[in-house]
Amino acid sequence: MAISVRCTVDNCYFWARDNYCGADTILVTTTEAVRRYPSGVDAPQANMIVNDMGQTPADRSTDTACKTFRRR
């Protein structure tokens, strides 16, 4: 099954035509991870964050963040 991720952040390196995310891997985590790891991530860094943070529950969408963003 193909999965598509929509995105409106048009200055992201991975932003693609028709507001799709073109990244191979997407890391969505909690805002706590953003505080601990403030820069964008690539695949090895994403694995490090996942291993370090483990499961990170959230109560609402505002508690989450896309760590895949990289400014174009």
Protein backbone atom coordinates (compact mmCIF):
# COMPACT_ATOMS: atom_id res chain seq x y z
CA MET A 1 0.00 0.00 0.00
CA ALA A 2 1.38 3.40 -0.95
CA ILE A 3 1.37 6.02 1.76
CA SER A 4 1.36 9.71 0.98
CA VAL A 5 2.15 12.50 3.38
CA ARG A 6 0.74 15.93 2.65
CA CYS A 7 2.73 18.99 3.61
CA THR A 8 2.23 22.74 3.21
CA VAL A 9 5.76 23.80 4.22
CA ASP A 10 6.96 24.87 0.78
CA ASN A 11 10.44 25.92 1.88
CA CYS A 12 11.28 22.38 3.05
CA TYR A 13 13.88 20.47 1.03
CA PHE A 14 11.47 17.51 0.75
CA TRP A 15 8.40 19.51 -0.29
CA ALA A 16 7.10 18.17 -3.60
CA ARG A 17 4.55 19.18 -6.19
CA ASP A 18 0.92 19.36 -5.06
CA ASN A 19 1.95 19.67 -1.39
CA TYR A 20 3.37 16.19 -0.86
CA CYS A 21 6.37 15.20 1.24
CA GLY A 22 9.07 13.55 -0.87
CA ALA A 23 11.24 12.27 2.00
CA ASP A 24 12.05 8.54 2.07
CA THR A 25 11.75 8.48 5.86
CA ILE A 26 9.68 10.77 8.05
CA LEU A 27 10.18 11.14 11.79
CA VAL A 28 7.24 12.47 13.77
CA THR A 29 7.88 12.77 17.48
CA THR A 30 6.90 14.90 20.44
CA THR A 31 7.93 18.46 21.12
CA GLU A 32 10.21 17.11 23.89
CA ALA A 33 12.40 15.58 21.17
CA VAL A 34 12.48 18.96 19.42
CA ARG A 35 13.86 20.53 22.59
CA ARG A 36 16.45 17.77 23.01
CA TYR A 37 17.38 17.61 19.30
CA PRO A 38 16.74 21.09 17.84
CA SER A 39 18.19 20.52 14.35
CA GLY A 40 16.65 18.58 11.46
CA VAL A 41 17.51 14.91 11.09
CA ASP A 42 18.65 12.42 8.50
CA ALA A 43 18.04 8.66 8.72
CA PRO A 44 20.93 7.82 11.13
CA GLN A 45 19.97 10.70 13.43
CA ALA A 46 16.33 9.63 13.29
CA ASN A 47 17.35 6.16 14.48
CA MET A 48 19.36 7.72 17.31
CA ILE A 49 16.38 9.84 18.39
CA VAL A 50 14.01 6.87 18.25
CA ASN A 51 16.42 4.75 20.29
CA ASP A 52 16.97 7.54 22.83
CA MET A 53 13.38 8.74 23.17
CA GLY A 54 11.61 5.40 22.90
CA GLN A 55 7.86 5.82 22.94
CA THR A 56 6.71 9.40 23.36
CA PRO A 57 2.97 9.70 24.00
CA ALA A 58 1.14 12.89 23.07
CA ASP A 59 -2.25 14.23 24.08
CA ARG A 60 -2.91 16.41 21.03
CA SER A 61 -1.44 17.24 17.64
CA THR A 62 0.22 20.38 19.03
CA ASP A 63 2.39 18.08 21.17
CA THR A 64 3.94 16.57 18.04
CA ALA A 65 6.52 17.70 15.51
CA CYS A 66 7.93 16.59 12.16
CA LYS A 67 11.71 16.23 12.61
CA THR A 68 12.28 15.56 8.91
CA PHE A 69 12.12 19.25 7.96
CA ARG A 70 15.23 20.62 6.27
CA ARG A 71 15.18 24.18 4.92
CA ARG A 72 15.56 24.37 1.16
